[in-house]
Protein backbone atom coordinates (compact mmCIF):
# COMPACT_ATOMS: atom_id res chain seq x y z
CA MET A 1 84.54 60.68 167.45
CA LYS A 2 83.88 62.62 164.25
CA VAL A 3 85.87 62.37 161.15
CA ARG A 4 85.48 65.04 158.63
CA ILE A 5 85.09 63.45 154.77
CA GLU A 6 87.91 65.93 153.81
CA GLN A 7 90.24 64.29 156.30
CA ILE A 8 89.44 60.90 154.95
CA LEU A 9 89.67 62.03 151.18
CA THR A 10 92.93 63.85 151.68
CA PHE A 11 94.48 60.55 153.39
CA PHE A 12 93.58 58.28 150.40
CA VAL A 13 93.98 60.86 147.62
CA TYR A 14 97.15 62.44 148.82
CA PRO A 15 98.75 60.09 151.22
CA ASN A 16 102.17 61.70 151.02
CA VAL A 17 101.19 65.20 151.79
CA SER A 18 103.56 66.84 154.12
CA ASP A 19 102.16 68.72 156.82
CA LYS A 20 104.73 71.47 156.05
CA ILE A 21 103.73 74.49 153.95
CA THR A 22 105.88 75.06 150.61
CA ASN A 23 105.89 78.15 149.17
CA SER A 24 107.42 79.26 145.85
CA ILE A 25 109.00 82.39 144.35
CA VAL A 26 110.48 82.79 140.84
CA LEU A 27 113.53 84.69 140.06
CA GLY A 28 115.47 86.27 137.18
CA GLY A 29 118.95 87.10 137.53
CA GLY A 30 120.98 86.35 134.52
CA CYS A 31 121.59 82.67 133.52
CA PHE A 32 119.50 80.43 135.32
CA TRP A 33 122.43 77.85 135.95
CA CYS A 34 123.91 80.51 138.27
CA LEU A 35 120.74 81.18 140.65
CA GLU A 36 119.72 77.44 140.61
CA ALA A 37 123.36 76.64 141.98
CA VAL A 38 123.11 79.21 144.58
CA PHE A 39 119.65 78.28 145.94
CA GLU A 40 119.23 74.31 145.53
CA THR A 41 122.07 74.12 148.68
CA LEU A 42 120.17 76.52 151.02
CA LYS A 43 118.32 74.61 154.08
CA GLY A 44 114.53 74.99 153.54
CA VAL A 45 114.61 74.93 149.79
CA SER A 46 112.96 71.82 148.58
CA ALA A 47 113.53 72.33 144.82
CA VAL A 48 114.84 74.73 142.17
CA THR A 49 113.52 74.66 138.68
CA SER A 50 115.13 76.15 135.78
CA GLY A 51 112.62 77.70 133.32
CA TYR A 52 111.25 80.57 131.52
CA THR A 53 108.49 83.45 132.23
CA GLY A 54 107.45 86.70 130.55
CA GLY A 55 107.38 85.96 126.94
CA THR A 56 104.89 85.78 123.93
CA ILE A 57 105.13 82.24 123.04
CA LYS A 58 103.86 79.02 124.74
CA ASN A 59 106.18 76.33 125.86
CA PRO A 60 109.30 78.13 124.40
CA THR A 61 112.38 76.11 123.78
CA TYR A 62 116.10 77.48 125.09
CA ARG A 63 117.12 78.00 121.66
CA GLU A 64 113.96 80.50 121.14
CA VAL A 65 114.57 82.34 124.30
CA CYS A 66 118.23 82.61 123.60
CA SER A 67 117.14 84.45 120.30
CA GLY A 68 115.86 87.26 122.68
CA LEU A 69 113.03 87.42 120.58
CA THR A 70 110.54 85.75 122.52
CA GLY A 71 110.58 88.31 125.56
CA HIS A 72 111.05 85.38 127.79
CA ASN A 73 113.44 85.67 130.88
CA GLU A 74 115.62 82.94 132.18
CA VAL A 75 114.25 82.27 135.72
CA VAL A 76 114.22 79.73 138.65
CA ARG A 77 111.39 78.62 140.64
CA ILE A 78 112.23 78.21 144.11
CA GLU A 79 110.24 75.96 146.30
CA PHE A 80 110.81 76.70 150.28
CA ASP A 81 109.49 75.98 153.55
CA PRO A 82 109.04 79.40 154.88
CA ASP A 83 109.41 78.20 158.71
CA THR A 84 113.06 77.30 157.86
CA ILE A 85 114.18 79.88 155.30
CA PRO A 86 111.68 82.80 155.09
CA LEU A 87 110.94 84.68 151.79
CA SER A 88 112.81 87.64 152.93
CA SER A 89 116.12 85.91 153.14
CA ILE A 90 115.81 84.15 149.79
CA LEU A 91 115.01 87.82 148.41
CA ASP A 92 118.32 89.26 150.12
CA LEU A 93 120.45 86.59 149.05
CA PHE A 94 118.73 87.14 145.34
CA PHE A 95 120.05 90.77 145.49
CA VAL A 96 123.50 89.65 146.35
CA PHE A 97 124.27 86.71 144.14
CA HIS A 98 123.67 88.81 140.87
CA ASP A 99 124.01 92.39 139.87
CA PRO A 100 120.66 93.81 139.66
CA THR A 101 121.98 97.14 138.30
CA THR A 102 122.81 95.99 134.96
CA LEU A 103 119.75 96.17 132.50
CA ASN A 104 119.39 93.00 130.32
CA ARG A 105 122.96 91.78 131.38
CA GLN A 106 124.73 89.70 133.79
CA GLY A 107 128.42 89.61 133.19
CA ASN A 108 129.11 88.51 129.37
CA ASP A 109 125.41 87.14 129.29
CA VAL A 110 123.52 90.13 127.32
CA GLY A 111 119.98 90.27 125.99
CA THR A 112 116.53 90.62 127.60
CA GLN A 113 116.41 86.96 128.88
CA TYR A 114 119.01 87.85 131.21
CA ARG A 115 117.16 90.63 132.61
CA SER A 116 116.74 90.76 136.61
CA GLY A 117 113.44 90.19 137.74
CA ILE A 118 110.96 89.00 140.73
CA TYR A 119 107.78 87.37 139.72
CA PHE A 120 105.31 87.29 142.64
CA ALA A 121 102.33 84.88 142.96
CA ASN A 122 100.54 87.29 145.56
CA ALA A 123 100.01 90.34 147.18
CA SER A 124 102.25 89.09 150.09
CA GLN A 125 105.09 88.55 147.97
CA GLU A 126 104.93 91.57 146.33
CA GLU A 127 105.09 93.49 149.48
CA GLU A 128 108.17 91.47 150.30
CA SER A 129 110.00 91.97 146.68
CA LYS A 130 109.52 95.63 147.17
CA ALA A 131 110.82 95.56 150.70
CA ALA A 132 113.68 93.85 149.56
CA PHE A 133 114.28 95.83 146.60
CA GLU A 134 114.66 98.66 149.18
CA ARG A 135 116.92 97.02 151.40
CA ALA A 136 119.02 96.12 148.60
CA LYS A 137 119.41 99.79 147.50
CA THR A 138 122.19 100.04 150.39
CA LEU A 139 124.14 97.02 148.59
CA TRP A 140 124.63 98.70 145.44
CA ARG A 141 126.23 101.99 144.17
CA ASN A 142 124.24 102.38 141.06
CA PRO A 143 120.20 102.13 140.64
CA ILE A 144 118.68 98.55 140.76
CA VAL A 145 116.73 97.80 137.48
CA THR A 146 115.13 94.82 138.84
CA GLU A 147 111.65 94.42 137.46
CA ILE A 148 108.93 93.27 140.09
CA LEU A 149 105.74 91.90 138.28
CA PRO A 150 102.98 89.15 138.75
CA LEU A 151 103.99 85.65 137.75
CA GLU A 152 102.03 85.02 134.64
CA ILE A 153 103.14 81.34 133.61
CA PHE A 154 106.24 79.27 134.20
CA TYR A 155 107.58 77.20 131.55
CA PRO A 156 110.10 74.64 132.91
CA ALA A 157 113.28 74.59 130.79
CA GLU A 158 114.58 71.17 129.34
CA ASP A 159 115.69 68.33 131.50
CA TYR A 160 119.33 69.15 130.70
CA HIS A 161 119.20 72.48 132.32
CA GLN A 162 117.77 71.08 135.56
CA SER A 163 120.68 70.89 138.41
CA TYR A 164 123.00 71.89 135.75
CA TYR A 165 125.80 72.85 138.00
CA VAL A 166 125.74 69.78 139.60
CA ASN A 167 125.90 67.65 136.84
CA ASN A 168 128.19 69.78 134.75
CA SER A 169 130.58 71.53 137.46
CA GLU A 170 133.97 70.93 135.14
CA GLN A 171 132.52 72.53 132.26
CA GLY A 172 134.04 75.76 131.32
CA TYR A 173 131.19 78.42 132.39
CA CYS A 174 130.70 76.56 135.37
CA ARG A 175 134.20 76.80 136.38
CA ILE A 176 134.59 80.51 135.68
CA VAL A 177 131.10 82.18 136.17
CA ILE A 178 129.31 79.79 138.81
CA ASN A 179 132.00 78.60 140.84
CA PRO A 180 132.94 81.97 142.36
CA LYS A 181 129.27 82.36 143.48
CA VAL A 182 129.10 78.98 144.98
CA THR A 183 132.39 79.78 146.89
CA LYS A 184 131.13 83.06 147.91
CA LEU A 185 128.00 81.03 149.27
CA ARG A 186 130.19 78.77 151.26
CA GLN A 187 132.33 81.36 152.60
CA GLN A 188 129.90 83.88 153.65
CA TYR A 189 126.61 82.03 154.11
CA ALA A 190 127.67 78.57 155.14
CA HIS A 191 125.11 78.44 158.22
CA LEU A 192 122.36 78.69 155.52
CA LEU A 193 123.66 75.55 153.62
CA LYS A 194 122.14 72.04 154.09
């Protein structure tokens, strides 16, 4: 039996590599805590990381992004197994769990850092994003203002922002803003939960 050198190197260098393909997409829909709380509970989603993209400075801090002066958007990077949850489903849920018709705003969160956006990694994701945008038009009365742009750089947010809802569910913002989204997810999309 002939074994290829790449197979041997993969085994020794990356012994824990899964056979499953993992994709990722970056989405912005207001405060990243809200999107993170929704997507991290879905079957097929292996990780959700809150962070920033689309700005003018390197390695921005939360305080800098919140100023609205850096041009960054609060986003989440969703890593998923497309055999379990296809990108189309993730994008359709994205358009359900935030208001894509409000420019630079989600509820009381106002500023360019709260804009609605999909940041794609390749041509296939761009095509799927545009298709989801078209499907979402039937859900909303007002025009959708979600930007669809190539992902430039994703900066993970500070550690205390990660799994924020899980770690702070009794905090006021979580109870008032995130709880209704999580309740809606459990009631209407329970079949998609882990």
